[in-house]
Amino acid sequence: MTESLVDTILSIVRERESWAIPIAFLVAFGESLCFLSIVWPGWAILSGLAFLLAASGVGWPIIILVIIAAGLGGVVGYSISYWVGHYFKDSIGNIWPFSRHPNLIPKGEEFFDEHGLWSVFLGHFIGPVRAVIPVIAGMFSMPQIPFQIANVSSAFIWAVWVVLGPVLFVTFQEPIFAFMREHEWVVALVMFGLAFANAIAIPLLFVPVLLLFAFVGGVHLYAGGSFWIIFVAGALGAFCGDLYFFREGQRSKLSFTNAWFIGDKGRAIPAARQLVRDGGAISVITSKFLGLRRAVLPIAAGAEGMSMAPFAVASAISAALWSAAFLVPGLLVCAFMAR
């Protein structure tokens, strides 16, 4: 159903490019409105819309208006969601979609409590909490001025990111590909940095970093770049990140409440330490495939007193497997396309 909806909207724009502006507003509005955000594929539609406009050669005035329309749609959707939360307050859990997904409100409250005003800014970029953050802000009666500052700035940055990124990629595809082939060391540094960032135990970084790592790697391979350079850079970044936070775990021991590198104030550490005690080096090898818990294992291993040598060996194996898991599919796709 989602794919059919995306295809239908894109086919309308393909026939009438001028409709892209009101459609961008409505799509961003639905993406930011609490009643639709959880089921509305707004990000996919806007990205597809941007690729379509760029490929059709439409002028920059239309693209700029699309960005403005998407930003305004995001602002209006979030503002209405705020007043929904402000009006219904604690009874919001009885209204769809929150009645069908009762865990949304508690997760949103936890996120809001941890990040405060920043949660409003970040909410536009994070799918799982996008639908609920403005509602929580309204329930807690956040003052309008700081809410709207965070809302407006975030909505327009999100619109620029979603629309302008695909347009620039399509418009300057050949120069981008040429740069990546001729300056592979720059791509390798980016891959190293993203892999290292994946070792930081802050949940907000998890999905964006993984998507960027796979995307940059896939584009580099599609451009004709070397697989081994980015594979080694990714594995080395993941390995160095593990070693760094292993040492932080050794130094911090039991005090993780104020540690900058843990997003949940250390609440996940006890369970991770138990996992290390039960699995030893095997738990480190499998750690990269544990989702959001992935970055906590090296910290827990250091806090648990694991020796450096077995940890380093296990981490090196895990880092190589992790890098390969995200890059080999792109390599296979490129090989298939070249046939």
Protein backbone atom coordinates (compact mmCIF):
# COMPACT_ATOMS: atom_id res chain seq x y z
CA MET A 1 0.00 0.00 0.00
CA THR A 2 2.84 2.42 0.89
CA GLU A 3 4.64 1.79 -2.42
CA SER A 4 1.40 2.30 -4.34
CA LEU A 5 0.78 5.62 -2.58
CA VAL A 6 4.31 6.84 -3.32
CA ASP A 7 4.04 5.79 -6.99
CA THR A 8 0.65 7.51 -7.37
CA ILE A 9 1.87 10.82 -5.99
CA LEU A 10 5.05 10.75 -8.07
CA SER A 11 3.09 9.97 -11.22
CA ILE A 12 0.91 13.07 -10.60
CA VAL A 13 4.01 15.26 -10.27
CA ARG A 14 5.57 13.65 -13.35
CA GLU A 15 2.60 14.88 -15.41
CA ARG A 16 2.17 18.27 -13.71
CA GLU A 17 5.42 19.65 -12.23
CA SER A 18 3.69 22.75 -10.86
CA TRP A 19 1.76 20.51 -8.47
CA ALA A 20 5.02 19.67 -6.71
CA ILE A 21 4.72 22.74 -4.45
CA PRO A 22 1.30 22.04 -2.84
CA ILE A 23 2.09 18.32 -2.77
CA ALA A 24 5.34 19.02 -0.89
CA PHE A 25 3.38 21.03 1.70
CA LEU A 26 0.77 18.29 2.18
CA VAL A 27 3.36 15.51 2.35
CA ALA A 28 5.45 17.34 4.97
CA PHE A 29 2.28 18.25 6.87
CA GLY A 30 1.24 14.59 7.04
CA GLU A 31 4.77 13.58 8.04
CA SER A 32 4.64 15.97 11.02
CA LEU A 33 1.01 15.55 12.13
CA CYS A 34 0.59 13.23 15.09
CA PHE A 35 -2.41 11.42 13.59
CA LEU A 36 -0.66 10.57 10.30
CA SER A 37 3.07 10.53 10.96
CA ILE A 38 3.20 6.93 12.14
CA VAL A 39 1.71 5.59 8.87
CA TRP A 40 2.58 8.33 6.37
CA PRO A 41 5.69 7.69 4.15
CA GLY A 42 6.47 11.39 3.87
CA TRP A 43 10.25 11.09 3.77
CA ALA A 44 10.08 8.55 0.91
CA ILE A 45 7.61 10.67 -1.07
CA LEU A 46 9.62 13.90 -0.70
CA SER A 47 12.89 12.17 -1.60
CA GLY A 48 11.27 10.61 -4.67
CA LEU A 49 9.76 13.99 -5.56
CA ALA A 50 13.19 15.64 -5.35
CA PHE A 51 14.84 12.99 -7.53
CA LEU A 52 12.02 13.33 -10.07
CA LEU A 53 12.29 17.13 -10.22
CA ALA A 54 16.07 17.01 -10.60
CA ALA A 55 15.92 14.38 -13.34
CA SER A 56 13.29 16.38 -15.26
CA GLY A 57 15.54 19.45 -15.31
CA VAL A 58 13.06 21.73 -13.55
CA GLY A 59 14.42 25.17 -12.64
CA TRP A 60 15.78 26.21 -9.25
CA PRO A 61 12.82 28.55 -8.52
CA ILE A 62 10.48 25.53 -8.39
CA ILE A 63 12.91 23.54 -6.22
CA ILE A 64 13.30 26.44 -3.77
CA LEU A 65 9.51 26.81 -3.53
CA VAL A 66 9.21 23.06 -2.91
CA ILE A 67 11.70 23.36 -0.03
CA ILE A 68 9.78 26.31 1.44
CA ALA A 69 6.47 24.47 1.08
CA ALA A 70 7.87 21.35 2.75
CA GLY A 71 9.29 23.44 5.61
CA LEU A 72 5.94 25.21 6.15
CA GLY A 73 4.11 21.88 6.06
CA GLY A 74 6.39 20.53 8.77
CA VAL A 75 5.88 23.63 10.92
CA VAL A 76 2.08 23.53 10.64
CA GLY A 77 1.88 19.78 11.31
CA TYR A 78 4.02 20.06 14.43
CA SER A 79 2.09 23.14 15.67
CA ILE A 80 -1.26 21.37 15.38
CA SER A 81 0.20 18.30 17.13
CA TYR A 82 1.36 20.58 19.97
CA TRP A 83 -2.16 21.92 20.52
CA VAL A 84 -3.62 18.41 20.32
CA GLY A 85 -1.36 17.41 23.21
CA HIS A 86 -2.09 20.64 25.08
CA TYR A 87 -5.87 20.10 24.78
CA PHE A 88 -6.12 16.38 25.56
CA LYS A 89 -3.16 16.11 27.97
CA ASP A 90 -3.22 12.75 29.83
CA SER A 91 -6.28 11.49 27.92
CA ILE A 92 -4.32 11.51 24.65
CA GLY A 93 -3.63 7.80 25.15
CA ASN A 94 -7.29 7.06 24.38
CA ILE A 95 -7.06 8.56 20.88
CA TRP A 96 -5.79 6.83 17.73
CA PRO A 97 -2.96 6.17 16.92
CA PHE A 98 -1.83 6.27 20.55
CA SER A 99 -4.57 3.89 21.65
CA ARG A 100 -3.27 1.34 19.13
CA HIS A 101 0.36 1.96 20.07
CA PRO A 102 0.35 2.54 23.84
CA ASN A 103 4.16 2.52 24.04
CA LEU A 104 4.48 5.70 21.95
CA ILE A 105 3.63 8.12 24.77
CA PRO A 106 5.99 6.59 27.40
CA LYS A 107 8.84 6.47 24.86
CA GLY A 108 8.14 10.05 23.83
CA GLU A 109 8.09 11.21 27.46
CA GLU A 110 11.41 9.47 28.11
CA PHE A 111 12.94 11.06 25.02
CA PHE A 112 11.53 14.48 25.94
CA ASP A 113 12.74 14.19 29.53
CA GLU A 114 16.24 13.29 28.38
CA HIS A 115 16.68 15.89 25.64
CA GLY A 116 14.29 18.72 26.57
CA LEU A 117 14.04 21.46 23.93
CA TRP A 118 16.42 19.53 21.66
CA SER A 119 13.84 16.76 21.41
CA VAL A 120 11.57 19.13 19.44
CA PHE A 121 14.43 19.99 17.09
CA LEU A 122 15.50 16.37 16.64
CA GLY A 123 11.96 15.03 16.35
CA HIS A 124 11.63 16.00 12.68
CA PHE A 125 14.55 13.70 11.86
CA ILE A 126 13.73 10.64 13.97
CA GLY A 127 10.92 8.37 12.80
CA PRO A 128 10.04 6.50 16.03
CA VAL A 129 9.38 9.68 18.04
CA ARG A 130 8.34 12.12 15.28
CA ALA A 131 4.62 11.51 15.85
CA VAL A 132 4.68 12.05 19.59
CA ILE A 133 7.30 14.70 20.48
CA PRO A 134 5.13 17.78 19.72
CA VAL A 135 2.23 16.11 21.53
CA ILE A 136 4.41 15.62 24.64
CA ALA A 137 5.56 19.25 24.38
CA GLY A 138 1.91 20.33 24.38
CA MET A 139 1.04 18.02 27.29
CA PHE A 140 3.85 19.59 29.33
CA SER A 141 2.81 23.12 28.20
CA MET A 142 6.23 23.99 26.79
CA PRO A 143 6.33 27.78 26.16
CA GLN A 144 5.41 28.65 22.59
CA ILE A 145 8.45 30.78 21.73
CA PRO A 146 11.16 28.14 22.39
CA PHE A 147 8.91 25.44 20.91
CA GLN A 148 8.36 27.37 17.69
CA ILE A 149 12.03 28.35 17.40
CA ALA A 150 12.99 24.68 17.57
CA ASN A 151 10.07 23.67 15.36
CA VAL A 152 10.64 26.21 12.56
CA SER A 153 14.43 25.83 12.41
CA SER A 154 14.21 22.03 12.46
CA ALA A 155 11.40 21.83 9.88
CA PHE A 156 13.28 23.91 7.32
CA ILE A 157 16.61 22.16 7.92
CA TRP A 158 14.77 18.85 7.45
CA ALA A 159 13.15 20.14 4.24
CA VAL A 160 16.52 21.25 2.85
CA TRP A 161 18.05 17.88 3.77
CA VAL A 162 15.28 15.78 2.22
CA VAL A 163 14.77 17.83 -0.95
CA LEU A 164 18.10 19.48 -1.71
CA GLY A 165 20.23 16.38 -1.09
CA PRO A 166 18.70 14.30 -3.91
CA VAL A 167 18.61 17.34 -6.24
CA LEU A 168 22.31 18.07 -5.77
CA PHE A 169 23.18 14.41 -6.12
CA VAL A 170 21.37 14.09 -9.46
CA THR A 171 22.55 17.48 -10.76
CA PHE A 172 26.23 16.96 -9.91
CA GLN A 173 26.38 13.17 -10.15
CA GLU A 174 29.31 12.93 -12.55
CA PRO A 175 31.56 15.45 -10.71
CA ILE A 176 30.73 13.69 -7.41
CA PHE A 177 31.61 10.28 -8.86
CA ALA A 178 34.84 11.63 -10.37
CA PHE A 179 35.86 13.19 -7.05
CA MET A 180 35.21 9.95 -5.18
CA ARG A 181 37.29 7.94 -7.66
CA GLU A 182 40.18 10.41 -7.65
CA HIS A 183 40.20 11.13 -3.89
CA GLU A 184 39.48 7.77 -2.33
CA TRP A 185 41.40 8.74 0.78
CA VAL A 186 38.70 11.36 1.51
CA VAL A 187 35.99 8.72 1.18
CA ALA A 188 38.04 6.41 3.41
CA LEU A 189 38.27 9.12 6.09
CA VAL A 190 34.50 9.64 5.95
CA MET A 191 33.89 5.89 6.28
CA PHE A 192 36.36 5.70 9.18
CA GLY A 193 34.58 8.58 10.95
CA LEU A 194 31.13 7.08 10.46
CA ALA A 195 32.27 3.68 11.70
CA PHE A 196 33.87 5.29 14.76
CA ALA A 197 30.67 7.28 15.42
CA ASN A 198 28.72 4.02 15.36
CA ALA A 199 30.68 2.99 18.46
CA ILE A 200 29.20 5.88 20.49
CA ALA A 201 26.40 4.58 22.72
CA ILE A 202 23.94 7.37 21.91
CA PRO A 203 20.73 5.97 20.35
CA LEU A 204 20.14 9.13 18.28
CA LEU A 205 23.27 8.36 16.26
CA PHE A 206 22.55 4.71 15.55
CA VAL A 207 20.23 4.80 12.51
CA PRO A 208 21.64 7.96 10.80
CA VAL A 209 25.21 6.67 11.04
CA LEU A 210 24.35 3.23 9.67
CA LEU A 211 22.36 4.71 6.79
CA LEU A 212 25.15 7.15 5.92
CA PHE A 213 27.80 4.41 6.12
CA ALA A 214 25.85 2.15 3.75
CA PHE A 215 24.90 5.05 1.46
CA VAL A 216 28.38 6.55 1.09
CA GLY A 217 29.87 3.10 0.60
CA GLY A 218 27.26 2.18 -2.00
CA VAL A 219 27.73 5.42 -3.94
CA HIS A 220 31.51 4.98 -3.89
CA LEU A 221 31.22 1.47 -5.31
CA TYR A 222 28.68 2.58 -7.92
CA ALA A 223 31.08 5.34 -8.96
CA GLY A 224 33.75 2.69 -9.64
CA GLY A 225 35.76 3.12 -6.45
CA SER A 226 37.74 0.45 -4.65
CA PHE A 227 35.90 -1.90 -2.29
CA TRP A 228 38.94 -2.74 -0.19
CA ILE A 229 39.79 0.85 0.71
CA ILE A 230 36.38 1.59 2.20
CA PHE A 231 36.09 -1.89 3.73
CA VAL A 232 39.37 -1.49 5.61
CA ALA A 233 38.51 2.10 6.60
CA GLY A 234 35.14 0.99 7.98
CA ALA A 235 36.57 -1.98 9.85
CA LEU A 236 39.42 0.15 11.26
CA GLY A 237 36.99 2.88 12.39
CA ALA A 238 34.78 0.36 14.15
CA PHE A 239 37.81 -1.30 15.77
CA CYS A 240 39.30 2.01 16.98
CA GLY A 241 35.91 3.05 18.34
CA ASP A 242 35.66 -0.20 20.28
CA LEU A 243 39.14 0.24 21.75
CA TYR A 244 38.47 3.84 22.75
CA PHE A 245 35.24 3.07 24.57
CA PHE A 246 36.69 -0.10 26.06
CA ARG A 247 39.27 2.15 27.73
CA GLU A 248 36.50 4.54 28.80
CA GLY A 249 34.72 1.61 30.40
CA GLN A 250 37.91 0.67 32.28
CA ARG A 251 38.28 4.22 33.56
CA SER A 252 34.62 4.84 34.41
CA LYS A 253 33.95 1.49 36.11
CA LEU A 254 30.51 1.97 37.70
CA SER A 255 30.07 5.73 37.18
CA PHE A 256 28.29 6.27 33.85
CA THR A 257 25.51 8.65 34.88
CA ASN A 258 27.19 11.76 33.44
CA ALA A 259 29.28 10.07 30.74
CA TRP A 260 28.95 11.96 27.44
CA PHE A 261 29.22 8.78 25.37
CA ILE A 262 26.14 7.02 26.79
CA GLY A 263 22.69 8.32 25.90
CA ASP A 264 20.66 6.52 28.57
CA LYS A 265 22.81 7.60 31.56
CA GLY A 266 24.22 4.10 31.86
CA ARG A 267 20.95 2.21 32.36
CA ALA A 268 21.93 -0.39 29.74
CA ILE A 269 25.34 -1.10 31.30
CA PRO A 270 24.29 -3.73 33.93
CA ALA A 271 22.58 -5.94 31.32
CA ALA A 272 25.55 -5.54 28.97
CA ARG A 273 27.99 -6.50 31.72
CA GLN A 274 25.97 -9.63 32.38
CA LEU A 275 26.13 -10.42 28.67
CA VAL A 276 29.92 -10.05 28.78
CA ARG A 277 30.16 -12.31 31.84
CA ASP A 278 28.04 -14.96 30.14
CA GLY A 279 29.53 -14.79 26.64
CA GLY A 280 33.07 -13.46 27.06
CA ALA A 281 34.81 -12.73 23.76
CA ILE A 282 31.89 -14.17 21.79
CA SER A 283 29.65 -11.40 23.12
CA VAL A 284 32.12 -8.84 21.73
CA ILE A 285 32.18 -10.53 18.30
CA THR A 286 28.37 -10.53 18.09
CA SER A 287 28.01 -7.06 19.64
CA LYS A 288 27.93 -5.20 16.32
CA PHE A 289 24.72 -7.01 15.41
CA LEU A 290 22.77 -6.24 18.60
CA GLY A 291 21.08 -3.10 17.30
CA LEU A 292 20.94 -0.20 19.76
CA ARG A 293 22.88 -2.24 22.34
CA ARG A 294 25.80 -2.58 19.92
CA ALA A 295 27.89 0.29 21.33
CA VAL A 296 27.36 -0.58 25.01
CA LEU A 297 29.25 -3.91 24.89
CA PRO A 298 32.80 -2.47 24.58
CA ILE A 299 32.11 -0.13 27.51
CA ALA A 300 30.72 -3.00 29.56
CA ALA A 301 33.70 -5.22 28.64
CA GLY A 302 36.08 -2.54 29.92
CA ALA A 303 34.07 -2.01 33.10
CA GLU A 304 33.93 -5.78 33.64
CA GLY A 305 37.73 -6.03 33.53
CA MET A 306 38.13 -8.10 30.35
CA SER A 307 41.78 -8.36 29.26
CA MET A 308 42.81 -6.14 26.37
CA ALA A 309 44.24 -8.93 24.16
CA PRO A 310 41.11 -11.13 23.84
CA PHE A 311 38.93 -8.04 23.56
CA ALA A 312 41.07 -6.61 20.73
CA VAL A 313 41.01 -9.89 18.78
CA ALA A 314 37.24 -10.27 19.19
CA SER A 315 36.67 -6.62 18.28
CA ALA A 316 38.83 -6.91 15.13
CA ILE A 317 36.80 -9.91 13.95
CA SER A 318 33.53 -8.16 14.77
CA ALA A 319 34.61 -4.94 13.01
CA ALA A 320 35.55 -6.82 9.82
CA LEU A 321 32.23 -8.69 9.80
CA TRP A 322 30.29 -5.48 10.43
CA SER A 323 32.01 -3.55 7.65
CA ALA A 324 31.53 -6.43 5.21
CA ALA A 325 27.85 -6.82 6.14
CA PHE A 326 27.10 -3.23 5.06
CA LEU A 327 29.38 -3.04 2.02
CA VAL A 328 29.26 -6.46 0.35
CA PRO A 329 25.58 -6.09 -0.70
CA GLY A 330 26.48 -2.89 -2.56
CA LEU A 331 29.42 -4.65 -4.20
CA LEU A 332 27.16 -7.49 -5.36
CA VAL A 333 24.57 -5.06 -6.74
CA CYS A 334 27.22 -3.18 -8.70
CA ALA A 335 28.63 -6.45 -10.05
CA PHE A 336 25.16 -7.56 -11.13
CA MET A 337 24.45 -4.21 -12.83
CA ALA A 338 27.75 -4.40 -14.73
CA ARG A 339 26.82 -7.75 -16.34
